[in-house]
Amino acid sequence: MRENRFPTFIRAFADTSFFTILNALFGIITAIILARQLGPESRGILAIIVASVTILSAFSDLYQGGNEIALGKNNNLIKKLFFISFLGALFFSITFFLLSTNSKISNFLLASDDLSIRILASLFFLQIILYDGLRRLLNAKQDFFFINRVELLSTIIFFITFVSFALNGLISVRNILLIYFLSNSIKILISLYKIIKYIREIDTYKTENSWLSEIFRIGKRNFLWSVPYSLIQRMSIWQIAMLSNNSNVGLFRVGTTLTEMVMMIPRSANIITRGKAVSEKGGWDQALVAAKMIFIFGMICSIIFAATGWFLIPIIFGEQFSDVYKVGIILILSTSFFGNVFVLEAQIVSKKRFPNEVIYANYICLAILAILNFFFIKALGLLGAGYAYLLTTICLYLLYNSIFSKYANIKTYDAICINKEDTKKMISFLKQFS
């Protein structure tokens, strides 16, 4: 009988979802105050900085993209993986800062060539990469409860500091980056403490001679997969900035903030599915049911927003953000498709080590998004970016369900459609979840 060292999927998902909702509540309040304090123009500049840092952080997947899989196979690698993550974060952040000394690059990536913005953005870049590496190690250990509590603590620290700045009229792009640095530092330090505890528990650090080449092999495939995947989620910010203006970037970013609130539940399912997939056998049926539930959840959220958003957006964010309602409906509808993909990809890439099919699917959909954005933004402005994103997520949804069906040995029709058996499993899941 296998020793049950890890929490069940439902228990881990319930715990993660609960803390995700708490994080979302703080996030919603923060987004409202941020939008009102900064306005569309400055909100757009902050969005460009965060999008640039997040997209470029995908390059770290070259060396830490295989952390979860490698540590799931060999627990003795944790110390070596930790040091690789640390050195990699340091290297990339220094490179980022040096690149930003070029005014053209700085204005493109950060919408500013101010020295303080470049320094804070570089530190933010370092933290994003380093914490991603640490979180992957903790995720491989299935320490979901610890991750949830640390991230909530970081959110609370960010929120308290943010509100105190807002009450004193100190909200600016520079100060927001400073607050990010403070809250991320706390999160990283606590995670480091936990990782060091795990390292001390290891009796021997003996590993196979091929461990490094294996990590970079997996990392390379993760990189090829994650770069287009990350661009699909954030490239519209860049294209709107190039084809339109920073105010429209700010409006679009408020719309994507709403989708991120909805996507927190799919992200929770993604994290749990990845942790389970690298450490336990099977899980295809469980992942599919979770993906279908996420699809329904996204549809419900889009209906609720369509019915209430027209009067809530101007009240909450202010009249200057009223245009967010129309694009918000489109973006929230896309969470049904992208949320479903979030769960399926976690199972596929963890079990099958980033197969060629998912890499090709990501590049195909990235090309579709870039082309649609180019024509739609010029013709329809902000709404065009929304329509382009929705159509891209539908394409991604169809491709990933087809790929998932192949590895799960089922028909694509059965993967997409929700039948009576799926309904029974969902009801059972919700009963256990409650």
Protein backbone atom coordinates (compact mmCIF):
# COMPACT_ATOMS: atom_id res chain seq x y z
CA MET A 1 0.00 0.00 0.00
CA ARG A 2 1.41 3.37 -1.04
CA GLU A 3 2.18 5.76 1.77
CA ASN A 4 -0.14 8.79 1.57
CA ARG A 5 2.46 11.52 2.02
CA PHE A 6 0.57 14.13 0.07
CA PRO A 7 -2.81 15.87 0.48
CA THR A 8 -5.65 14.69 -1.79
CA PHE A 9 -6.45 16.71 -4.89
CA ILE A 10 -9.76 17.93 -3.45
CA ARG A 11 -8.29 18.90 -0.08
CA ALA A 12 -5.38 20.73 -1.70
CA PHE A 13 -7.69 22.41 -4.23
CA ALA A 14 -10.14 23.48 -1.52
CA ASP A 15 -7.36 24.98 0.60
CA THR A 16 -5.75 26.70 -2.39
CA SER A 17 -9.10 28.01 -3.66
CA PHE A 18 -9.99 29.43 -0.23
CA PHE A 19 -6.73 31.37 -0.02
CA THR A 20 -7.04 32.32 -3.67
CA ILE A 21 -10.41 33.93 -2.98
CA LEU A 22 -8.93 35.86 -0.06
CA ASN A 23 -6.10 37.03 -2.32
CA ALA A 24 -8.68 37.99 -4.95
CA LEU A 25 -10.62 40.14 -2.49
CA PHE A 26 -7.51 42.11 -1.62
CA GLY A 27 -6.62 42.23 -5.31
CA ILE A 28 -10.00 43.67 -6.33
CA ILE A 29 -9.80 46.47 -3.74
CA THR A 30 -6.21 47.21 -4.75
CA ALA A 31 -7.13 47.31 -8.46
CA ILE A 32 -9.97 49.74 -7.78
CA ILE A 33 -7.84 52.15 -5.75
CA LEU A 34 -4.95 51.82 -8.21
CA ALA A 35 -7.14 52.65 -11.21
CA ARG A 36 -8.71 55.65 -9.49
CA GLN A 37 -5.40 57.00 -8.20
CA LEU A 38 -3.32 56.52 -11.35
CA GLY A 39 -5.86 57.01 -14.14
CA PRO A 40 -5.70 55.25 -17.54
CA GLU A 41 -2.35 56.78 -18.65
CA SER A 42 -0.22 55.92 -15.59
CA ARG A 43 -2.09 52.63 -15.15
CA GLY A 44 -1.04 51.79 -18.69
CA ILE A 45 2.62 52.57 -17.94
CA LEU A 46 2.58 50.28 -14.89
CA ALA A 47 0.90 47.57 -17.01
CA ILE A 48 3.68 47.81 -19.62
CA ILE A 49 6.37 47.42 -16.94
CA VAL A 50 4.71 44.41 -15.30
CA ALA A 51 3.96 42.78 -18.68
CA SER A 52 7.57 43.23 -19.85
CA VAL A 53 9.03 41.80 -16.64
CA THR A 54 6.61 38.87 -16.65
CA ILE A 55 7.14 38.00 -20.32
CA LEU A 56 10.95 38.18 -20.09
CA SER A 57 10.93 36.06 -16.92
CA ALA A 58 9.92 33.15 -19.16
CA PHE A 59 13.60 32.93 -20.20
CA SER A 60 14.35 31.54 -16.73
CA ASP A 61 12.50 28.40 -17.79
CA LEU A 62 15.68 27.44 -19.65
CA TYR A 63 17.24 26.36 -16.36
CA GLN A 64 14.40 26.08 -13.82
CA GLY A 65 11.52 24.97 -16.00
CA GLY A 66 12.28 21.37 -15.12
CA ASN A 67 12.54 21.91 -11.34
CA GLU A 68 9.23 20.26 -10.50
CA ILE A 69 9.79 17.23 -12.68
CA ALA A 70 13.44 16.80 -11.62
CA LEU A 71 12.73 17.11 -7.90
CA GLY A 72 9.69 14.86 -8.20
CA LYS A 73 12.03 12.15 -9.55
CA ASN A 74 15.00 12.79 -7.24
CA ASN A 75 14.57 14.51 -3.87
CA ASN A 76 18.35 14.87 -3.46
CA LEU A 77 18.49 17.57 -6.15
CA ILE A 78 16.84 20.27 -4.04
CA LYS A 79 20.07 21.98 -2.94
CA LYS A 80 21.53 22.10 -6.44
CA LEU A 81 18.27 23.29 -7.96
CA PHE A 82 18.04 26.05 -5.35
CA PHE A 83 21.50 27.42 -6.13
CA ILE A 84 20.87 27.28 -9.89
CA SER A 85 17.65 29.27 -9.39
CA PHE A 86 19.43 31.87 -7.26
CA LEU A 87 22.37 32.37 -9.64
CA GLY A 88 20.07 32.45 -12.66
CA ALA A 89 17.86 35.14 -11.11
CA LEU A 90 20.93 37.24 -10.33
CA PHE A 91 22.30 36.89 -13.87
CA PHE A 92 19.02 37.74 -15.62
CA SER A 93 18.25 40.75 -13.41
CA ILE A 94 21.72 42.26 -13.99
CA THR A 95 21.33 41.66 -17.74
CA PHE A 96 17.89 43.29 -17.65
CA PHE A 97 19.29 46.39 -15.94
CA LEU A 98 22.18 46.70 -18.40
CA LEU A 99 19.78 46.43 -21.34
CA SER A 100 17.56 49.12 -19.82
CA THR A 101 20.44 51.61 -19.93
CA ASN A 102 19.63 51.92 -23.63
CA SER A 103 16.89 54.56 -23.78
CA LYS A 104 15.06 52.93 -26.73
CA ILE A 105 14.92 49.56 -24.99
CA SER A 106 13.94 51.20 -21.69
CA ASN A 107 11.11 53.18 -23.29
CA PHE A 108 9.81 50.06 -25.03
CA LEU A 109 9.99 47.72 -22.01
CA LEU A 110 9.30 50.21 -19.21
CA ALA A 111 7.69 53.19 -20.96
CA SER A 112 10.33 55.27 -19.12
CA ASP A 113 14.09 55.83 -18.98
CA ASP A 114 14.05 57.09 -15.38
CA LEU A 115 16.92 55.53 -13.37
CA SER A 116 14.80 54.76 -10.28
CA ILE A 117 12.19 52.99 -12.45
CA ARG A 118 14.93 50.94 -14.13
CA ILE A 119 16.47 49.92 -10.79
CA LEU A 120 13.11 48.98 -9.21
CA ALA A 121 12.00 47.12 -12.34
CA SER A 122 15.28 45.14 -12.32
CA LEU A 123 14.79 44.21 -8.66
CA PHE A 124 11.20 43.25 -9.42
CA PHE A 125 12.52 41.09 -12.28
CA LEU A 126 14.97 39.36 -9.92
CA GLN A 127 12.21 38.64 -7.41
CA ILE A 128 9.79 37.29 -10.02
CA ILE A 129 12.38 34.81 -11.32
CA LEU A 130 13.72 33.80 -7.91
CA TYR A 131 10.31 33.21 -6.35
CA ASP A 132 9.19 31.24 -9.40
CA GLY A 133 12.14 28.90 -8.84
CA LEU A 134 11.42 28.56 -5.11
CA ARG A 135 7.71 28.02 -5.69
CA ARG A 136 8.45 25.26 -8.19
CA LEU A 137 10.54 23.44 -5.58
CA LEU A 138 7.81 23.80 -2.96
CA ASN A 139 5.22 22.72 -5.50
CA ALA A 140 7.20 19.55 -6.26
CA LYS A 141 7.17 18.84 -2.52
CA GLN A 142 3.37 19.36 -2.66
CA ASP A 143 3.66 21.95 0.10
CA PHE A 144 0.53 23.70 -1.17
CA PHE A 145 -0.67 24.77 2.28
CA PHE A 146 2.58 26.59 2.98
CA ILE A 147 2.57 28.30 -0.45
CA ASN A 148 -1.02 29.47 0.04
CA ARG A 149 -0.32 31.05 3.42
CA VAL A 150 2.91 32.73 2.35
CA GLU A 151 1.28 34.25 -0.72
CA LEU A 152 -1.66 35.50 1.35
CA LEU A 153 0.74 37.09 3.85
CA SER A 154 2.58 38.79 0.97
CA THR A 155 -0.73 40.06 -0.41
CA ILE A 156 -1.76 41.45 2.98
CA ILE A 157 1.58 43.23 3.41
CA PHE A 158 1.24 44.69 -0.10
CA PHE A 159 -2.34 45.77 0.62
CA ILE A 160 -1.59 47.43 3.96
CA THR A 161 1.41 49.30 2.55
CA PHE A 162 -0.54 50.25 -0.56
CA VAL A 163 -3.48 51.64 1.41
CA SER A 164 -1.17 53.65 3.69
CA PHE A 165 0.50 55.15 0.61
CA ALA A 166 -2.91 55.91 -0.95
CA LEU A 167 -4.19 57.65 2.20
CA ASN A 168 -1.13 59.90 2.11
CA GLY A 169 -1.43 60.64 -1.62
CA LEU A 170 1.78 58.80 -2.46
CA ILE A 171 0.52 56.48 -5.20
CA SER A 172 2.75 56.59 -8.29
CA VAL A 173 4.28 54.07 -10.67
CA ARG A 174 7.61 54.30 -8.82
CA ASN A 175 6.05 53.76 -5.39
CA ILE A 176 3.96 50.82 -6.59
CA LEU A 177 7.16 49.10 -7.74
CA LEU A 178 8.65 49.87 -4.32
CA ILE A 179 5.66 48.23 -2.60
CA TYR A 180 6.04 45.19 -4.87
CA PHE A 181 9.67 44.94 -3.79
CA LEU A 182 8.71 44.99 -0.09
CA SER A 183 5.94 42.38 -0.28
CA ASN A 184 7.94 40.09 -2.58
CA SER A 185 10.96 40.26 -0.25
CA ILE A 186 8.89 38.91 2.64
CA LYS A 187 7.52 36.10 0.48
CA ILE A 188 10.98 35.12 -0.76
CA LEU A 189 12.61 35.18 2.68
CA ILE A 190 9.96 32.92 4.22
CA SER A 191 10.16 30.53 1.24
CA LEU A 192 13.95 30.45 1.57
CA TYR A 193 13.58 29.43 5.21
CA LYS A 194 11.33 26.53 4.18
CA ILE A 195 13.65 25.42 1.36
CA ILE A 196 16.66 25.46 3.71
CA LYS A 197 14.70 23.22 6.11
CA TYR A 198 14.10 20.74 3.30
CA ILE A 199 17.79 20.84 2.34
CA ARG A 200 18.84 20.03 5.93
CA GLU A 201 16.54 16.99 5.95
CA ILE A 202 18.44 15.37 3.08
CA ASP A 203 20.90 12.73 4.31
CA THR A 204 22.85 12.46 1.08
CA TYR A 205 23.25 14.71 -1.95
CA LYS A 206 24.32 11.96 -4.31
CA THR A 207 22.78 12.32 -7.74
CA GLU A 208 23.20 10.81 -11.17
CA ASN A 209 25.90 12.34 -13.37
CA SER A 210 23.31 13.22 -16.02
CA TRP A 211 21.09 15.31 -13.71
CA LEU A 212 22.26 18.69 -15.05
CA SER A 213 21.83 17.78 -18.71
CA GLU A 214 18.40 16.34 -17.89
CA ILE A 215 17.33 19.57 -16.18
CA PHE A 216 18.45 21.71 -19.11
CA ARG A 217 16.82 19.30 -21.55
CA ILE A 218 13.49 19.62 -19.76
CA GLY A 219 14.09 23.33 -19.22
CA LYS A 220 14.72 23.90 -22.92
CA ARG A 221 11.43 22.27 -23.83
CA ASN A 222 9.66 24.19 -21.06
CA PHE A 223 11.16 27.40 -22.44
CA LEU A 224 10.02 26.63 -25.98
CA TRP A 225 6.54 25.99 -24.57
CA SER A 226 6.33 28.82 -22.02
CA VAL A 227 7.55 31.78 -24.12
CA PRO A 228 4.62 31.73 -26.57
CA TYR A 229 2.27 30.75 -23.72
CA SER A 230 3.36 33.79 -21.71
CA LEU A 231 3.19 36.06 -24.77
CA ILE A 232 -0.36 34.94 -25.53
CA GLN A 233 -1.41 36.11 -22.07
CA ARG A 234 0.38 39.48 -22.16
CA MET A 235 1.49 40.44 -25.66
CA SER A 236 -1.69 42.46 -26.28
CA ILE A 237 -0.36 45.06 -23.82
CA TRP A 238 2.68 45.64 -26.05
CA GLN A 239 0.64 45.71 -29.25
CA ILE A 240 -1.94 48.15 -27.87
CA ALA A 241 0.92 50.43 -26.74
CA MET A 242 2.45 50.31 -30.23
CA LEU A 243 -0.78 50.58 -32.25
CA SER A 244 -2.79 52.79 -29.89
CA ASN A 245 -1.83 54.68 -26.70
CA ASN A 246 -1.02 54.18 -23.01
CA SER A 247 -4.56 55.17 -21.97
CA ASN A 248 -6.00 52.25 -23.92
CA VAL A 249 -3.32 50.04 -22.34
CA GLY A 250 -4.61 51.18 -18.93
CA LEU A 251 -8.23 50.41 -19.87
CA PHE A 252 -7.27 46.99 -21.23
CA ARG A 253 -5.22 46.26 -18.12
CA VAL A 254 -8.21 46.96 -15.87
CA GLY A 255 -10.18 44.51 -18.03
CA THR A 256 -7.46 41.86 -17.71
CA THR A 257 -7.36 42.51 -13.96
CA LEU A 258 -10.98 41.34 -13.83
CA THR A 259 -10.07 38.20 -15.78
CA GLU A 260 -7.14 37.52 -13.47
CA MET A 261 -9.55 37.48 -10.53
CA VAL A 262 -11.58 34.81 -12.32
CA MET A 263 -8.43 32.97 -13.43
CA MET A 264 -7.24 32.56 -9.84
CA ILE A 265 -9.43 29.45 -9.51
CA PRO A 266 -8.00 27.83 -12.70
CA ARG A 267 -4.50 28.77 -11.49
CA SER A 268 -5.19 26.93 -8.23
CA ALA A 269 -6.25 23.85 -10.17
CA ASN A 270 -3.14 24.21 -12.36
CA ILE A 271 -0.79 24.28 -9.35
CA ILE A 272 -2.40 21.24 -7.71
CA THR A 273 -2.54 19.28 -10.97
CA ARG A 274 1.16 19.93 -11.66
CA GLY A 275 2.19 18.89 -8.17
CA LYS A 276 0.11 15.72 -8.36
CA ALA A 277 1.19 14.86 -11.90
CA VAL A 278 4.94 14.86 -11.14
CA SER A 279 4.58 12.87 -7.90
CA GLU A 280 1.69 10.46 -8.48
CA LYS A 281 0.46 8.12 -11.18
CA GLY A 282 -2.56 8.65 -13.43
CA GLY A 283 -4.80 11.65 -12.81
CA TRP A 284 -6.05 12.10 -16.41
CA ASP A 285 -9.72 11.62 -15.56
CA GLN A 286 -9.44 13.87 -12.51
CA ALA A 287 -7.76 16.63 -14.53
CA LEU A 288 -10.44 16.46 -17.24
CA VAL A 289 -13.31 16.80 -14.77
CA ALA A 290 -11.57 19.74 -13.09
CA ALA A 291 -11.02 21.37 -16.52
CA LYS A 292 -14.70 21.03 -17.43
CA MET A 293 -15.75 22.52 -14.09
CA ILE A 294 -13.43 25.47 -14.74
CA PHE A 295 -15.05 25.96 -18.14
CA ILE A 296 -18.51 26.16 -16.55
CA PHE A 297 -17.19 28.48 -13.84
CA GLY A 298 -15.86 30.89 -16.48
CA MET A 299 -19.20 30.91 -18.31
CA ILE A 300 -21.08 31.69 -15.09
CA CYS A 301 -18.67 34.55 -14.30
CA SER A 302 -19.09 36.04 -17.80
CA ILE A 303 -22.89 35.95 -17.49
CA ILE A 304 -22.78 37.63 -14.08
CA PHE A 305 -20.43 40.32 -15.35
CA ALA A 306 -22.54 40.94 -18.47
CA ALA A 307 -25.60 41.47 -16.26
CA THR A 308 -23.96 43.71 -13.65
CA GLY A 309 -20.77 45.20 -15.10
CA TRP A 310 -22.47 47.98 -17.09
CA PHE A 311 -23.33 49.88 -13.91
CA LEU A 312 -20.69 48.51 -11.52
CA ILE A 313 -17.60 49.45 -13.58
CA PRO A 314 -18.28 53.25 -13.60
CA ILE A 315 -19.26 53.18 -9.92
CA ILE A 316 -16.26 51.16 -8.78
CA PHE A 317 -13.47 52.31 -11.11
CA GLY A 318 -14.83 55.71 -12.16
CA GLU A 319 -16.41 57.07 -15.35
CA GLN A 320 -13.03 57.25 -17.10
CA PHE A 321 -12.97 53.43 -17.08
CA SER A 322 -16.55 52.90 -18.34
CA ASP A 323 -15.23 51.51 -21.67
CA VAL A 324 -13.83 48.57 -19.70
CA TYR A 325 -17.33 47.01 -19.55
CA LYS A 326 -17.53 46.02 -23.22
CA VAL A 327 -14.01 44.65 -23.47
CA GLY A 328 -14.45 43.08 -20.01
CA ILE A 329 -17.33 40.88 -21.22
CA ILE A 330 -15.14 39.54 -24.02
CA LEU A 331 -12.11 38.99 -21.78
CA ILE A 332 -14.03 37.27 -18.98
CA LEU A 333 -15.72 34.99 -21.54
CA SER A 334 -12.22 33.97 -22.65
CA THR A 335 -11.49 32.64 -19.14
CA SER A 336 -13.80 29.69 -19.83
CA PHE A 337 -11.51 28.55 -22.63
CA PHE A 338 -8.16 29.59 -21.14
CA GLY A 339 -9.10 28.30 -17.67
CA ASN A 340 -9.86 24.90 -19.16
CA VAL A 341 -6.49 24.95 -20.94
CA PHE A 342 -4.73 25.86 -17.67
CA VAL A 343 -5.76 22.55 -16.12
CA LEU A 344 -5.19 20.38 -19.18
CA GLU A 345 -1.70 21.80 -19.86
CA ALA A 346 -0.64 21.13 -16.27
CA GLN A 347 -1.42 17.43 -16.70
CA ILE A 348 0.05 17.15 -20.20
CA VAL A 349 3.36 18.96 -19.67
CA SER A 350 4.01 17.32 -16.30
CA LYS A 351 3.27 13.79 -17.46
CA LYS A 352 4.67 13.99 -20.99
CA ARG A 353 7.60 16.41 -20.46
CA PHE A 354 6.43 19.20 -22.78
CA PRO A 355 5.60 17.21 -25.92
CA ASN A 356 5.99 18.78 -29.36
CA GLU A 357 2.23 19.09 -29.85
CA VAL A 358 1.75 21.64 -27.05
CA ILE A 359 4.77 23.64 -28.21
CA TYR A 360 3.40 23.80 -31.77
CA ALA A 361 -0.07 24.69 -30.45
CA ASN A 362 1.32 27.63 -28.48
CA TYR A 363 3.26 29.05 -31.44
CA ILE A 364 0.28 28.65 -33.77
CA CYS A 365 -1.99 30.51 -31.35
CA LEU A 366 0.65 33.19 -30.70
CA ALA A 367 0.84 33.85 -34.45
CA ILE A 368 -2.96 33.99 -34.62
CA LEU A 369 -3.08 36.53 -31.77
CA ALA A 370 -0.34 38.74 -33.25
CA ILE A 371 -2.04 38.83 -36.68
CA LEU A 372 -5.55 39.39 -35.28
CA ASN A 373 -4.30 42.13 -32.94
CA PHE A 374 -2.56 43.93 -35.80
CA PHE A 375 -5.75 44.20 -37.84
CA PHE A 376 -8.39 44.29 -35.08
CA ILE A 377 -6.74 46.98 -32.92
CA LYS A 378 -6.34 49.24 -35.94
CA ALA A 379 -9.97 48.71 -36.97
CA LEU A 380 -11.77 48.40 -33.61
CA GLY A 381 -9.33 49.80 -31.04
CA LEU A 382 -9.69 48.40 -27.53
CA LEU A 383 -12.54 46.04 -28.48
CA GLY A 384 -10.39 44.65 -31.28
CA ALA A 385 -7.77 43.49 -28.77
CA GLY A 386 -10.54 41.78 -26.79
CA TYR A 387 -11.95 39.94 -29.81
CA ALA A 388 -8.46 38.88 -30.90
CA TYR A 389 -7.74 37.45 -27.46
CA LEU A 390 -11.07 35.59 -27.28
CA LEU A 391 -10.61 33.96 -30.69
CA THR A 392 -7.06 32.97 -29.74
CA THR A 393 -8.19 31.32 -26.49
CA ILE A 394 -10.86 29.35 -28.39
CA CYS A 395 -8.18 28.06 -30.78
CA LEU A 396 -5.96 27.16 -27.82
CA TYR A 397 -8.90 25.40 -26.15
CA LEU A 398 -9.61 23.23 -29.20
CA LEU A 399 -5.95 22.33 -29.75
CA TYR A 400 -5.25 21.44 -26.10
CA ASN A 401 -8.39 19.32 -25.79
CA SER A 402 -7.33 17.46 -28.92
CA ILE A 403 -3.82 16.88 -27.52
CA PHE A 404 -5.19 15.86 -24.11
CA SER A 405 -7.53 13.35 -25.78
CA LYS A 406 -4.59 11.69 -27.49
CA TYR A 407 -2.69 11.06 -24.26
CA ALA A 408 -5.77 10.21 -22.18
CA ASN A 409 -6.93 7.72 -24.86
CA ILE A 410 -10.35 9.30 -25.31
CA LYS A 411 -12.17 11.03 -28.17
CA THR A 412 -11.83 14.80 -28.53
CA TYR A 413 -15.61 15.03 -28.48
CA ASP A 414 -15.67 13.37 -25.04
CA ALA A 415 -13.00 15.75 -23.78
CA ILE A 416 -14.94 18.84 -24.84
CA CYS A 417 -18.55 17.83 -24.20
CA ILE A 418 -20.04 17.52 -20.72
CA ASN A 419 -22.10 14.32 -20.37
CA LYS A 420 -24.13 12.78 -17.54
CA GLU A 421 -21.11 10.95 -16.15
CA ASP A 422 -19.17 14.21 -15.99
CA THR A 423 -22.09 15.85 -14.19
CA LYS A 424 -22.13 13.10 -11.56
CA LYS A 425 -18.39 13.46 -11.02
CA MET A 426 -18.71 17.23 -10.70
CA ILE A 427 -21.48 16.91 -8.12
CA SER A 428 -19.39 14.37 -6.19
CA PHE A 429 -16.39 16.70 -6.41
CA LEU A 430 -18.39 19.67 -5.10
CA LYS A 431 -19.77 17.61 -2.21
CA GLN A 432 -16.28 16.54 -1.16
CA PHE A 433 -15.01 20.09 -1.78
CA SER A 434 -17.62 21.54 0.59
